Amino acid sequence: MIAEYFSDFSGFQWDSGNLDKNRLKHDVEAFEAEQMFFNDPLIVIPDEKHSTQETRYAAFGITNDDRKLTIIFTQRNQMIRIISARDMNKKEKNYYETYKN
């Protein structure tokens, strides 16, 4: 769960453009993306490749309906700001399955 990574977490922050993009392009609703942060196992790694302006992270996990998602996010104060949410690709699924077992 997210508290293992960010002890001062207090909620989610959405940019309206990213909210619509994730729903329209990837068919991921905001509630699904948020669910993932409360389910185990959750894997969070730094996204150094895209951390030029601010520190970004990649999270791999499952929704309440066992949908495997990859989420790119940043932390702003105590808020998780979701940048991108989509289904895991094959490589990410393999990584996630290896980690969780």
C-alpha atoms as a PDB file:
ATOM      1  CA  MET A   1       0.000   0.000   0.000  1.00  0.00           C
ATOM      2  CA  ILE A   2       1.041   3.566  -0.627  1.00  0.00           C
ATOM      3  CA  ALA A   3       1.703   4.291   3.069  1.00  0.00           C
ATOM      4  CA  GLU A   4       4.759   2.018   2.816  1.00  0.00           C
ATOM      5  CA  TYR A   5       6.298   4.461   0.325  1.00  0.00           C
ATOM      6  CA  PHE A   6       4.902   7.837   1.397  1.00  0.00           C
ATOM      7  CA  SER A   7       4.079   8.045   5.083  1.00  0.00           C
ATOM      8  CA  ASP A   8       2.613  11.537   4.778  1.00  0.00           C
ATOM      9  CA  PHE A   9       0.158  10.630   1.979  1.00  0.00           C
ATOM     10  CA  SER A  10      -3.222  12.348   2.374  1.00  0.00           C
ATOM     11  CA  GLY A  11      -5.031  11.985  -0.961  1.00  0.00           C
ATOM     12  CA  PHE A  12      -5.043  12.318  -4.731  1.00  0.00           C
ATOM     13  CA  GLN A  13      -4.802  15.306  -7.028  1.00  0.00           C
ATOM     14  CA  TRP A  14      -5.926  15.166 -10.656  1.00  0.00           C
ATOM     15  CA  ASP A  15      -5.229  17.476 -13.564  1.00  0.00           C
ATOM     16  CA  SER A  16      -8.434  17.625 -15.628  1.00  0.00           C
ATOM     17  CA  GLY A  17      -6.504  16.974 -18.846  1.00  0.00           C
ATOM     18  CA  ASN A  18      -4.872  13.830 -17.467  1.00  0.00           C
ATOM     19  CA  LEU A  19      -8.143  12.650 -15.962  1.00  0.00           C
ATOM     20  CA  ASP A  20      -9.852  12.772 -19.355  1.00  0.00           C
ATOM     21  CA  LYS A  21      -6.807  11.399 -21.196  1.00  0.00           C
ATOM     22  CA  ASN A  22      -6.598   8.312 -19.008  1.00  0.00           C
ATOM     23  CA  ARG A  23     -10.312   7.622 -19.365  1.00  0.00           C
ATOM     24  CA  LEU A  24     -10.517   8.243 -23.118  1.00  0.00           C
ATOM     25  CA  LYS A  25      -7.170   6.871 -24.286  1.00  0.00           C
ATOM     26  CA  HIS A  26      -6.639   4.027 -21.809  1.00  0.00           C
ATOM     27  CA  ASP A  27     -10.172   3.357 -20.483  1.00  0.00           C
ATOM     28  CA  VAL A  28      -8.965   3.824 -16.896  1.00  0.00           C
ATOM     29  CA  GLU A  29     -11.322   5.626 -14.535  1.00  0.00           C
ATOM     30  CA  ALA A  30      -9.944   7.750 -11.707  1.00  0.00           C
ATOM     31  CA  PHE A  31     -11.414   5.477  -9.045  1.00  0.00           C
ATOM     32  CA  GLU A  32      -9.608   2.459 -10.543  1.00  0.00           C
ATOM     33  CA  ALA A  33      -6.270   4.254 -10.531  1.00  0.00           C
ATOM     34  CA  GLU A  34      -6.769   5.324  -6.921  1.00  0.00           C
ATOM     35  CA  GLN A  35      -7.829   1.806  -5.839  1.00  0.00           C
ATOM     36  CA  MET A  36      -4.526   0.401  -6.977  1.00  0.00           C
ATOM     37  CA  PHE A  37      -2.630   2.371  -4.335  1.00  0.00           C
ATOM     38  CA  PHE A  38      -4.529   0.579  -1.545  1.00  0.00           C
ATOM     39  CA  ASN A  39      -4.049  -2.999  -2.787  1.00  0.00           C
ATOM     40  CA  ASP A  40      -1.122  -5.344  -2.316  1.00  0.00           C
ATOM     41  CA  PRO A  41       1.261  -5.975  -3.780  1.00  0.00           C
ATOM     42  CA  LEU A  42       2.096  -2.471  -4.910  1.00  0.00           C
ATOM     43  CA  ILE A  43       5.475  -1.854  -6.517  1.00  0.00           C
ATOM     44  CA  VAL A  44       6.758   1.734  -6.724  1.00  0.00           C
ATOM     45  CA  ILE A  45      10.019   2.620  -8.461  1.00  0.00           C
ATOM     46  CA  PRO A  46      11.589   5.971  -9.422  1.00  0.00           C
ATOM     47  CA  ASP A  47      10.931   6.994 -13.036  1.00  0.00           C
ATOM     48  CA  GLU A  48      14.326   8.615 -13.530  1.00  0.00           C
ATOM     49  CA  LYS A  49      13.964   8.840 -17.308  1.00  0.00           C
ATOM     50  CA  HIS A  50      11.031  11.259 -16.983  1.00  0.00           C
ATOM     51  CA  SER A  51      12.044  13.073 -13.784  1.00  0.00           C
ATOM     52  CA  THR A  52      13.455  16.207 -15.376  1.00  0.00           C
ATOM     53  CA  GLN A  53      11.152  18.857 -13.844  1.00  0.00           C
ATOM     54  CA  GLU A  54      10.041  16.929 -10.751  1.00  0.00           C
ATOM     55  CA  THR A  55      10.558  13.464  -9.260  1.00  0.00           C
ATOM     56  CA  ARG A  56       8.269  10.944 -10.914  1.00  0.00           C
ATOM     57  CA  TYR A  57       7.466   7.381  -9.973  1.00  0.00           C
ATOM     58  CA  ALA A  58       6.061   4.328 -11.724  1.00  0.00           C
ATOM     59  CA  ALA A  59       3.634   2.180  -9.747  1.00  0.00           C
ATOM     60  CA  PHE A  60       2.534  -1.336 -10.654  1.00  0.00           C
ATOM     61  CA  GLY A  61      -0.466  -2.916  -8.978  1.00  0.00           C
ATOM     62  CA  ILE A  62      -4.012  -4.199  -9.174  1.00  0.00           C
ATOM     63  CA  THR A  63      -7.468  -2.699  -8.827  1.00  0.00           C
ATOM     64  CA  ASN A  64     -10.220  -4.216  -6.708  1.00  0.00           C
ATOM     65  CA  ASP A  65     -11.262  -6.161  -9.838  1.00  0.00           C
ATOM     66  CA  ASP A  66      -7.708  -7.503 -10.373  1.00  0.00           C
ATOM     67  CA  ARG A  67      -7.011  -5.212 -13.327  1.00  0.00           C
ATOM     68  CA  LYS A  68      -3.247  -4.766 -13.587  1.00  0.00           C
ATOM     69  CA  LEU A  69      -2.312  -1.105 -14.029  1.00  0.00           C
ATOM     70  CA  THR A  70       0.813   0.946 -14.507  1.00  0.00           C
ATOM     71  CA  ILE A  71       0.575   4.448 -13.103  1.00  0.00           C
ATOM     72  CA  ILE A  72       3.041   7.297 -13.489  1.00  0.00           C
ATOM     73  CA  PHE A  73       2.739   9.852 -10.721  1.00  0.00           C
ATOM     74  CA  THR A  74       4.479  12.518  -8.706  1.00  0.00           C
ATOM     75  CA  GLN A  75       4.100  13.594  -5.112  1.00  0.00           C
ATOM     76  CA  ARG A  76       3.109  17.194  -4.417  1.00  0.00           C
ATOM     77  CA  ASN A  77       3.123  17.910  -0.712  1.00  0.00           C
ATOM     78  CA  GLN A  78       1.041  15.063   0.738  1.00  0.00           C
ATOM     79  CA  MET A  79      -0.905  14.467  -2.486  1.00  0.00           C
ATOM     80  CA  ILE A  80      -0.355  11.839  -5.163  1.00  0.00           C
ATOM     81  CA  ARG A  81      -0.741  13.533  -8.570  1.00  0.00           C
ATOM     82  CA  ILE A  82      -1.471  10.921 -11.207  1.00  0.00           C
ATOM     83  CA  ILE A  83       0.020  11.726 -14.593  1.00  0.00           C
ATOM     84  CA  SER A  84      -0.782   8.571 -16.536  1.00  0.00           C
ATOM     85  CA  ALA A  85      -2.748   5.387 -15.855  1.00  0.00           C
ATOM     86  CA  ARG A  86      -2.970   2.438 -18.236  1.00  0.00           C
ATOM     87  CA  ASP A  87      -3.027  -1.356 -18.380  1.00  0.00           C
ATOM     88  CA  MET A  88       0.326  -3.051 -17.807  1.00  0.00           C
ATOM     89  CA  ASN A  89       2.118  -4.199 -20.934  1.00  0.00           C
ATOM     90  CA  LYS A  90       3.554  -7.723 -21.194  1.00  0.00           C
ATOM     91  CA  LYS A  91       6.989  -6.768 -19.833  1.00  0.00           C
ATOM     92  CA  GLU A  92       5.430  -4.960 -16.873  1.00  0.00           C
ATOM     93  CA  LYS A  93       3.125  -7.916 -16.138  1.00  0.00           C
ATOM     94  CA  ASN A  94       6.121 -10.258 -16.082  1.00  0.00           C
ATOM     95  CA  TYR A  95       8.005  -7.897 -13.749  1.00  0.00           C
ATOM     96  CA  TYR A  96       4.969  -7.597 -11.472  1.00  0.00           C
ATOM     97  CA  GLU A  97       4.351 -11.363 -11.365  1.00  0.00           C
ATOM     98  CA  THR A  98       8.013 -12.028 -10.558  1.00  0.00           C
ATOM     99  CA  TYR A  99       7.979  -9.477  -7.755  1.00  0.00           C
ATOM    100  CA  LYS A 100       4.719 -10.565  -6.171  1.00  0.00           C
ATOM    101  CA  ASN A 101       5.679 -14.248  -5.930  1.00  0.00           C
END
